[in-house]
Amino acid sequence: MTVAGGGTQPSNPAEAWRALLEGNERFVSGAVSHPNQDAARRGELAGGQKPFATFFGCGDSRVAAEVIFDQGLGDLFVVRTAGHIVGDGVLGSLEFATEVLGVPLIVVLGHDSCGAVKAAIQHYRDASMPEGYIRDIVERVTPSVISARRAGATSP
């Protein structure tokens, strides 16, 4: 399989990281190539996937790894949850990527203005708690907010 620019698929963490940095530079400069998104690529992937990097990121729709790293179909194995909440499903997915698919690199992709973190900060400040399943997210993020405050963090 090929990557943007017609090169070969990265096979080790350093090559994978370099391909991601190059893709992010294209994204930032506005010179994206939108690689591996054509019918030929879809045909290649019909037989199976061989992503070169795994991303664990927030579910925030503004932080799509395939877009901000200018990658295409089958290039990345992406696992996303609100607030970077880790559970058995996330761990199993990451293990699947490395052990079964042989992905050489895992990237934990953070971002600012995270709604889950903002909700946990709000809970910390005024003891408000959302209802439903969002409550579980806030409860699981709040210990990080408390830890950051104890370490001297003063802004959200």
N, C-alpha and C. Protein backbone atom coordinates (compact mmCIF):
# COMPACT_ATOMS: atom_id res chain seq x y z
N MET A 1 0.84 -1.18 0.00
CA MET A 1 0.00 0.00 0.00
C MET A 1 0.88 1.24 0.00
N THR A 2 0.34 2.32 -0.51
CA THR A 2 1.11 3.55 -0.61
C THR A 2 0.54 4.63 0.29
N VAL A 3 1.34 5.66 0.49
CA VAL A 3 0.91 6.81 1.29
C VAL A 3 0.95 8.04 0.41
N ALA A 4 0.60 9.18 0.97
CA ALA A 4 0.60 10.44 0.23
C ALA A 4 1.94 10.63 -0.47
N GLY A 5 1.90 11.09 -1.70
CA GLY A 5 3.11 11.31 -2.46
C GLY A 5 3.60 10.06 -3.16
N GLY A 6 2.88 8.94 -3.04
CA GLY A 6 3.23 7.73 -3.74
C GLY A 6 4.29 6.88 -3.06
N GLY A 7 4.71 7.26 -1.86
CA GLY A 7 5.73 6.49 -1.14
C GLY A 7 5.16 5.19 -0.59
N THR A 8 6.03 4.41 0.01
CA THR A 8 5.57 3.15 0.60
C THR A 8 5.04 3.38 2.01
N GLN A 9 4.24 2.46 2.44
CA GLN A 9 3.63 2.52 3.77
C GLN A 9 4.72 2.51 4.85
N PRO A 10 4.65 3.41 5.82
CA PRO A 10 5.62 3.38 6.93
C PRO A 10 5.57 2.04 7.65
N SER A 11 6.73 1.52 8.02
CA SER A 11 6.77 0.21 8.65
C SER A 11 7.32 0.24 10.08
N ASN A 12 7.73 1.41 10.55
CA ASN A 12 8.22 1.51 11.92
C ASN A 12 7.73 2.83 12.52
N PRO A 13 7.85 2.99 13.83
CA PRO A 13 7.32 4.19 14.48
C PRO A 13 7.91 5.50 13.93
N ALA A 14 9.20 5.54 13.65
CA ALA A 14 9.82 6.78 13.15
C ALA A 14 9.27 7.16 11.78
N GLU A 15 9.13 6.19 10.89
CA GLU A 15 8.57 6.47 9.56
C GLU A 15 7.11 6.91 9.67
N ALA A 16 6.36 6.24 10.54
CA ALA A 16 4.95 6.59 10.72
C ALA A 16 4.82 8.02 11.25
N TRP A 17 5.64 8.36 12.23
CA TRP A 17 5.60 9.71 12.82
C TRP A 17 5.95 10.75 11.76
N ARG A 18 6.96 10.46 10.96
CA ARG A 18 7.37 11.39 9.89
C ARG A 18 6.22 11.60 8.89
N ALA A 19 5.55 10.52 8.50
CA ALA A 19 4.43 10.64 7.57
C ALA A 19 3.30 11.48 8.17
N LEU A 20 3.07 11.32 9.46
CA LEU A 20 2.03 12.12 10.13
C LEU A 20 2.42 13.59 10.18
N LEU A 21 3.67 13.88 10.52
CA LEU A 21 4.12 15.27 10.57
C LEU A 21 4.03 15.92 9.20
N GLU A 22 4.42 15.20 8.16
CA GLU A 22 4.32 15.74 6.79
C GLU A 22 2.86 16.02 6.44
N GLY A 23 1.97 15.11 6.81
CA GLY A 23 0.55 15.32 6.55
C GLY A 23 0.00 16.51 7.31
N ASN A 24 0.42 16.68 8.56
CA ASN A 24 -0.03 17.82 9.34
C ASN A 24 0.50 19.12 8.76
N GLU A 25 1.72 19.11 8.27
CA GLU A 25 2.27 20.31 7.62
C GLU A 25 1.44 20.67 6.39
N ARG A 26 1.02 19.67 5.62
CA ARG A 26 0.16 19.94 4.46
C ARG A 26 -1.16 20.55 4.91
N PHE A 27 -1.74 19.99 5.98
CA PHE A 27 -3.01 20.50 6.49
C PHE A 27 -2.88 21.94 6.96
N VAL A 28 -1.85 22.22 7.74
CA VAL A 28 -1.66 23.57 8.29
C VAL A 28 -1.43 24.58 7.18
N SER A 29 -0.69 24.19 6.15
CA SER A 29 -0.37 25.12 5.06
C SER A 29 -1.50 25.24 4.03
N GLY A 30 -2.50 24.38 4.14
CA GLY A 30 -3.60 24.42 3.18
C GLY A 30 -3.29 23.69 1.88
N ALA A 31 -2.23 22.90 1.87
CA ALA A 31 -1.81 22.17 0.67
C ALA A 31 -2.10 20.68 0.81
N VAL A 32 -3.30 20.34 1.28
CA VAL A 32 -3.63 18.93 1.49
C VAL A 32 -3.69 18.18 0.17
N SER A 33 -3.37 16.89 0.24
CA SER A 33 -3.39 16.07 -0.98
C SER A 33 -4.55 15.06 -0.97
N HIS A 34 -5.23 14.92 0.16
CA HIS A 34 -6.35 13.96 0.28
C HIS A 34 -5.96 12.60 -0.31
N PRO A 35 -4.91 11.98 0.22
CA PRO A 35 -4.43 10.73 -0.36
C PRO A 35 -5.35 9.55 -0.08
N ASN A 36 -5.20 8.53 -0.90
CA ASN A 36 -5.84 7.24 -0.65
C ASN A 36 -7.34 7.33 -0.42
N GLN A 37 -8.01 8.11 -1.26
CA GLN A 37 -9.46 8.23 -1.11
C GLN A 37 -10.20 7.90 -2.40
N ASP A 38 -9.53 7.23 -3.32
CA ASP A 38 -10.15 6.94 -4.61
C ASP A 38 -10.63 5.49 -4.69
N ALA A 39 -11.20 5.15 -5.83
CA ALA A 39 -11.73 3.80 -6.03
C ALA A 39 -10.63 2.74 -5.95
N ALA A 40 -9.45 3.07 -6.44
CA ALA A 40 -8.35 2.11 -6.37
C ALA A 40 -8.02 1.77 -4.92
N ARG A 41 -7.99 2.77 -4.08
CA ARG A 41 -7.69 2.54 -2.66
C ARG A 41 -8.79 1.69 -2.02
N ARG A 42 -10.03 2.00 -2.33
CA ARG A 42 -11.13 1.20 -1.78
C ARG A 42 -10.98 -0.26 -2.21
N GLY A 43 -10.54 -0.47 -3.44
CA GLY A 43 -10.30 -1.83 -3.92
C GLY A 43 -9.19 -2.52 -3.15
N GLU A 44 -8.11 -1.80 -2.87
CA GLU A 44 -7.01 -2.35 -2.08
C GLU A 44 -7.49 -2.79 -0.71
N LEU A 45 -8.35 -1.98 -0.12
CA LEU A 45 -8.80 -2.23 1.25
C LEU A 45 -9.86 -3.32 1.35
N ALA A 46 -10.44 -3.71 0.23
CA ALA A 46 -11.45 -4.76 0.27
C ALA A 46 -10.88 -6.06 0.83
N GLY A 47 -9.58 -6.25 0.65
CA GLY A 47 -8.93 -7.46 1.14
C GLY A 47 -8.45 -7.37 2.57
N GLY A 48 -8.50 -6.21 3.17
CA GLY A 48 -8.07 -6.03 4.55
C GLY A 48 -7.39 -4.70 4.76
N GLN A 49 -7.20 -4.36 6.01
CA GLN A 49 -6.59 -3.08 6.35
C GLN A 49 -5.19 -3.27 6.91
N LYS A 50 -4.34 -2.30 6.68
CA LYS A 50 -2.98 -2.29 7.23
C LYS A 50 -2.61 -0.85 7.57
N PRO A 51 -3.28 -0.26 8.57
CA PRO A 51 -2.97 1.13 8.93
C PRO A 51 -1.55 1.24 9.48
N PHE A 52 -0.96 2.43 9.32
CA PHE A 52 0.41 2.62 9.79
C PHE A 52 0.48 3.35 11.13
N ALA A 53 -0.64 3.85 11.61
CA ALA A 53 -0.66 4.52 12.91
C ALA A 53 -2.04 4.34 13.55
N THR A 54 -2.04 4.28 14.87
CA THR A 54 -3.27 4.23 15.64
C THR A 54 -3.39 5.53 16.42
N PHE A 55 -4.58 6.10 16.42
CA PHE A 55 -4.84 7.31 17.19
C PHE A 55 -5.86 7.00 18.26
N PHE A 56 -5.58 7.47 19.47
CA PHE A 56 -6.59 7.49 20.52
C PHE A 56 -6.84 8.95 20.81
N GLY A 57 -8.06 9.39 20.53
CA GLY A 57 -8.37 10.80 20.69
C GLY A 57 -9.75 11.02 21.26
N CYS A 58 -10.04 12.27 21.46
CA CYS A 58 -11.33 12.69 21.96
C CYS A 58 -12.37 12.56 20.84
N GLY A 59 -13.61 12.40 21.23
CA GLY A 59 -14.69 12.30 20.27
C GLY A 59 -15.06 13.63 19.63
N ASP A 60 -14.43 14.71 20.03
CA ASP A 60 -14.73 16.05 19.51
C ASP A 60 -14.65 16.07 17.98
N SER A 61 -15.71 16.49 17.35
CA SER A 61 -15.79 16.47 15.88
C SER A 61 -14.83 17.43 15.21
N ARG A 62 -14.23 18.32 15.97
CA ARG A 62 -13.28 19.28 15.39
C ARG A 62 -11.87 18.71 15.28
N VAL A 63 -11.65 17.51 15.79
CA VAL A 63 -10.31 16.94 15.84
C VAL A 63 -10.31 15.57 15.15
N ALA A 64 -10.50 15.57 13.85
CA ALA A 64 -10.51 14.33 13.07
C ALA A 64 -9.10 14.03 12.57
N ALA A 65 -8.50 12.98 13.10
CA ALA A 65 -7.10 12.66 12.79
C ALA A 65 -6.85 12.51 11.29
N GLU A 66 -7.75 11.85 10.58
CA GLU A 66 -7.55 11.66 9.14
C GLU A 66 -7.46 12.99 8.41
N VAL A 67 -8.19 13.98 8.88
CA VAL A 67 -8.20 15.29 8.23
C VAL A 67 -6.98 16.10 8.62
N ILE A 68 -6.70 16.24 9.92
CA ILE A 68 -5.61 17.13 10.34
C ILE A 68 -4.23 16.55 10.07
N PHE A 69 -4.17 15.26 9.73
CA PHE A 69 -2.89 14.66 9.34
C PHE A 69 -2.89 14.28 7.86
N ASP A 70 -3.90 14.73 7.11
CA ASP A 70 -4.01 14.53 5.67
C ASP A 70 -3.74 13.08 5.27
N GLN A 71 -4.50 12.18 5.83
CA GLN A 71 -4.37 10.76 5.53
C GLN A 71 -5.67 10.27 4.91
N GLY A 72 -5.62 9.08 4.35
CA GLY A 72 -6.78 8.55 3.65
C GLY A 72 -7.33 7.28 4.25
N LEU A 73 -8.17 6.64 3.46
CA LEU A 73 -8.82 5.40 3.89
C LEU A 73 -7.77 4.33 4.17
N GLY A 74 -7.89 3.69 5.31
CA GLY A 74 -7.01 2.60 5.66
C GLY A 74 -5.66 3.00 6.22
N ASP A 75 -5.35 4.30 6.27
CA ASP A 75 -4.05 4.75 6.76
C ASP A 75 -3.97 4.76 8.28
N LEU A 76 -5.07 5.11 8.93
CA LEU A 76 -5.09 5.26 10.38
C LEU A 76 -6.16 4.38 11.00
N PHE A 77 -5.87 3.85 12.17
CA PHE A 77 -6.85 3.14 12.98
C PHE A 77 -7.18 4.09 14.12
N VAL A 78 -8.41 4.59 14.16
CA VAL A 78 -8.75 5.67 15.09
C VAL A 78 -9.77 5.20 16.13
N VAL A 79 -9.44 5.47 17.39
CA VAL A 79 -10.32 5.16 18.52
C VAL A 79 -10.61 6.49 19.21
N ARG A 80 -11.90 6.82 19.37
CA ARG A 80 -12.26 8.11 19.96
C ARG A 80 -13.32 7.94 21.03
N THR A 81 -13.15 8.68 22.12
CA THR A 81 -14.16 8.73 23.17
C THR A 81 -14.21 10.16 23.71
N ALA A 82 -15.35 10.56 24.20
CA ALA A 82 -15.46 11.88 24.82
C ALA A 82 -14.53 11.94 26.03
N GLY A 83 -13.70 12.95 26.08
CA GLY A 83 -12.82 13.16 27.22
C GLY A 83 -11.69 12.16 27.36
N HIS A 84 -11.39 11.44 26.30
CA HIS A 84 -10.32 10.42 26.35
C HIS A 84 -10.56 9.38 27.44
N ILE A 85 -11.79 9.00 27.65
CA ILE A 85 -12.12 8.01 28.67
C ILE A 85 -11.65 6.64 28.20
N VAL A 86 -10.86 5.98 29.03
CA VAL A 86 -10.33 4.66 28.69
C VAL A 86 -11.12 3.59 29.43
N GLY A 87 -11.58 2.63 28.68
CA GLY A 87 -12.27 1.47 29.24
C GLY A 87 -11.81 0.23 28.50
N ASP A 88 -12.45 -0.88 28.79
CA ASP A 88 -12.06 -2.14 28.16
C ASP A 88 -12.16 -2.10 26.64
N GLY A 89 -13.19 -1.44 26.12
CA GLY A 89 -13.35 -1.35 24.67
C GLY A 89 -12.22 -0.59 24.02
N VAL A 90 -11.77 0.49 24.65
CA VAL A 90 -10.65 1.27 24.13
C VAL A 90 -9.37 0.44 24.19
N LEU A 91 -9.11 -0.17 25.34
CA LEU A 91 -7.90 -0.98 25.49
C LEU A 91 -7.89 -2.14 24.50
N GLY A 92 -9.04 -2.78 24.32
CA GLY A 92 -9.13 -3.87 23.36
C GLY A 92 -8.89 -3.39 21.94
N SER A 93 -9.40 -2.23 21.61
CA SER A 93 -9.19 -1.66 20.27
C SER A 93 -7.72 -1.35 20.03
N LEU A 94 -7.06 -0.75 21.02
CA LEU A 94 -5.64 -0.44 20.87
C LEU A 94 -4.81 -1.72 20.77
N GLU A 95 -5.17 -2.70 21.57
CA GLU A 95 -4.47 -3.99 21.50
C GLU A 95 -4.68 -4.65 20.14
N PHE A 96 -5.90 -4.60 19.63
CA PHE A 96 -6.19 -5.15 18.31
C PHE A 96 -5.33 -4.48 17.24
N ALA A 97 -5.21 -3.16 17.33
CA ALA A 97 -4.42 -2.44 16.33
C ALA A 97 -2.97 -2.89 16.32
N THR A 98 -2.39 -3.04 17.50
CA THR A 98 -0.97 -3.41 17.56
C THR A 98 -0.75 -4.91 17.37
N GLU A 99 -1.54 -5.72 18.05
CA GLU A 99 -1.29 -7.17 18.03
C GLU A 99 -1.82 -7.87 16.78
N VAL A 100 -2.97 -7.45 16.28
CA VAL A 100 -3.57 -8.12 15.13
C VAL A 100 -3.20 -7.42 13.83
N LEU A 101 -3.34 -6.10 13.81
CA LEU A 101 -3.05 -5.37 12.58
C LEU A 101 -1.57 -5.02 12.42
N GLY A 102 -0.81 -5.09 13.50
CA GLY A 102 0.62 -4.80 13.43
C GLY A 102 0.97 -3.34 13.28
N VAL A 103 0.10 -2.47 13.76
CA VAL A 103 0.35 -1.02 13.65
C VAL A 103 1.56 -0.66 14.52
N PRO A 104 2.56 0.05 13.94
CA PRO A 104 3.79 0.32 14.68
C PRO A 104 3.75 1.52 15.63
N LEU A 105 2.72 2.37 15.55
CA LEU A 105 2.72 3.61 16.32
C LEU A 105 1.34 3.89 16.90
N ILE A 106 1.30 4.24 18.19
CA ILE A 106 0.08 4.73 18.82
C ILE A 106 0.30 6.19 19.19
N VAL A 107 -0.64 7.04 18.78
CA VAL A 107 -0.59 8.47 19.09
C VAL A 107 -1.80 8.80 19.96
N VAL A 108 -1.56 9.45 21.09
CA VAL A 108 -2.66 9.96 21.91
C VAL A 108 -2.81 11.43 21.53
N LEU A 109 -3.94 11.75 20.93
CA LEU A 109 -4.17 13.08 20.37
C LEU A 109 -5.05 13.91 21.29
N GLY A 110 -4.45 14.86 21.98
CA GLY A 110 -5.19 15.77 22.84
C GLY A 110 -5.59 17.02 22.08
N HIS A 111 -6.41 17.83 22.70
CA HIS A 111 -6.82 19.09 22.09
C HIS A 111 -7.30 20.04 23.17
N ASP A 112 -7.49 21.30 22.79
CA ASP A 112 -8.01 22.27 23.75
C ASP A 112 -9.52 22.43 23.57
N SER A 113 -10.12 23.15 24.48
CA SER A 113 -11.57 23.42 24.45
C SER A 113 -12.41 22.14 24.48
N CYS A 114 -11.97 21.17 25.24
CA CYS A 114 -12.68 19.89 25.34
C CYS A 114 -13.94 20.05 26.19
N GLY A 115 -15.07 19.69 25.63
CA GLY A 115 -16.34 19.81 26.35
C GLY A 115 -16.40 18.93 27.59
N ALA A 116 -15.82 17.74 27.53
CA ALA A 116 -15.82 16.85 28.69
C ALA A 116 -15.00 17.44 29.82
N VAL A 117 -13.87 18.02 29.49
CA VAL A 117 -13.03 18.65 30.51
C VAL A 117 -13.73 19.88 31.08
N LYS A 118 -14.35 20.67 30.21
CA LYS A 118 -15.09 21.85 30.69
C LYS A 118 -16.19 21.44 31.65
N ALA A 119 -16.90 20.36 31.34
CA ALA A 119 -17.97 19.89 32.23
C ALA A 119 -17.40 19.43 33.57
N ALA A 120 -16.24 18.77 33.54
CA ALA A 120 -15.61 18.33 34.79
C ALA A 120 -15.13 19.52 35.61
N ILE A 121 -14.62 20.54 34.95
CA ILE A 121 -14.20 21.76 35.66
C ILE A 121 -15.41 22.43 36.29
N GLN A 122 -16.52 22.50 35.55
CA GLN A 122 -17.75 23.09 36.08
C GLN A 122 -18.22 22.31 37.31
N HIS A 123 -18.16 20.99 37.22
CA HIS A 123 -18.54 20.15 38.37
C HIS A 123 -17.63 20.43 39.56
N TYR A 124 -16.35 20.57 39.31
CA TYR A 124 -15.39 20.85 40.38
C TYR A 124 -15.69 22.19 41.04
N ARG A 125 -16.05 23.18 40.23
CA ARG A 125 -16.29 24.54 40.75
C ARG A 125 -17.59 24.66 41.53
N ASP A 126 -18.66 24.07 41.02
CA ASP A 126 -19.96 24.32 41.67
C ASP A 126 -20.74 23.05 42.02
N ALA A 127 -20.08 21.91 41.96
CA ALA A 127 -20.70 20.63 42.31
C ALA A 127 -21.91 20.29 41.45
N SER A 128 -22.03 20.93 40.28
CA SER A 128 -23.10 20.55 39.36
C SER A 128 -22.72 19.24 38.69
N MET A 129 -23.71 18.46 38.36
CA MET A 129 -23.43 17.17 37.73
C MET A 129 -24.45 16.92 36.64
N PRO A 130 -24.00 16.68 35.41
CA PRO A 130 -24.95 16.35 34.35
C PRO A 130 -25.63 15.01 34.63
N GLU A 131 -26.71 14.78 33.94
CA GLU A 131 -27.44 13.53 34.13
C GLU A 131 -27.12 12.56 33.01
N GLY A 132 -27.68 11.39 33.11
CA GLY A 132 -27.51 10.37 32.07
C GLY A 132 -26.08 9.86 32.01
N TYR A 133 -25.72 9.36 30.86
CA TYR A 133 -24.40 8.77 30.68
C TYR A 133 -23.28 9.80 30.67
N ILE A 134 -23.63 11.06 30.43
CA ILE A 134 -22.62 12.12 30.48
C ILE A 134 -22.04 12.22 31.89
N ARG A 135 -22.84 11.91 32.86
CA ARG A 135 -22.37 11.93 34.25
C ARG A 135 -21.13 11.03 34.42
N ASP A 136 -21.16 9.85 33.82
CA ASP A 136 -20.02 8.93 33.92
C ASP A 136 -18.76 9.55 33.35
N ILE A 137 -18.90 10.25 32.25
CA ILE A 137 -17.73 10.91 31.64
C ILE A 137 -17.17 11.95 32.61
N VAL A 138 -18.04 12.80 33.13
CA VAL A 138 -17.60 13.85 34.06
C VAL A 138 -16.95 13.24 35.30
N GLU A 139 -17.56 12.19 35.84
CA GLU A 139 -16.99 11.55 37.03
C GLU A 139 -15.60 10.98 36.75
N ARG A 140 -15.38 10.52 35.53
CA ARG A 140 -14.09 9.91 35.20
C ARG A 140 -13.03 10.95 34.82
N VAL A 141 -13.45 12.13 34.40
CA VAL A 141 -12.49 13.19 34.06
C VAL A 141 -12.15 14.03 35.29
N THR A 142 -13.07 14.17 36.22
CA THR A 142 -12.88 15.03 37.39
C THR A 142 -11.60 14.75 38.18
N PRO A 143 -11.17 13.50 38.39
CA PRO A 143 -9.91 13.30 39.11
C PRO A 143 -8.71 13.99 38.44
N SER A 144 -8.71 14.08 37.13
CA SER A 144 -7.63 14.79 36.44
C SER A 144 -7.70 16.28 36.70
N VAL A 145 -8.91 16.82 36.78
CA VAL A 145 -9.08 18.24 37.11
C VAL A 145 -8.56 18.50 38.52
N ILE A 146 -8.91 17.65 39.45
CA ILE A 146 -8.45 17.81 40.84
C ILE A 146 -6.93 17.71 40.90
N SER A 147 -6.37 16.75 40.21
CA SER A 147 -4.91 16.58 40.19
C SER A 147 -4.22 17.81 39.60
N ALA A 148 -4.78 18.36 38.52
CA ALA A 148 -4.19 19.55 37.91
C ALA A 148 -4.26 20.74 38.86
N ARG A 149 -5.36 20.89 39.56
CA ARG A 149 -5.50 21.99 40.53
C ARG A 149 -4.48 21.84 41.66
N ARG A 150 -4.30 20.64 42.14
CA ARG A 150 -3.32 20.40 43.21
C ARG A 150 -1.90 20.68 42.74
N ALA A 151 -1.67 20.49 41.45
CA ALA A 151 -0.33 20.73 40.89
C ALA A 151 -0.12 22.21 40.55
N GLY A 152 -1.15 23.03 40.76
CA GLY A 152 -1.00 24.47 40.57
C GLY A 152 -1.68 25.05 39.36
N ALA A 153 -2.40 24.26 38.59
CA ALA A 153 -3.11 24.81 37.43
C ALA A 153 -4.16 25.81 37.90
N THR A 154 -4.23 26.94 37.22
CA THR A 154 -5.17 27.98 37.63
C THR A 154 -6.20 28.31 36.57
N SER A 155 -5.98 27.92 35.33
CA SER A 155 -6.97 28.19 34.29
C SER A 155 -7.59 26.88 33.86
N PRO A 156 -8.71 26.97 33.17
CA PRO A 156 -9.48 25.75 32.92
C PRO A 156 -8.66 24.57 32.65
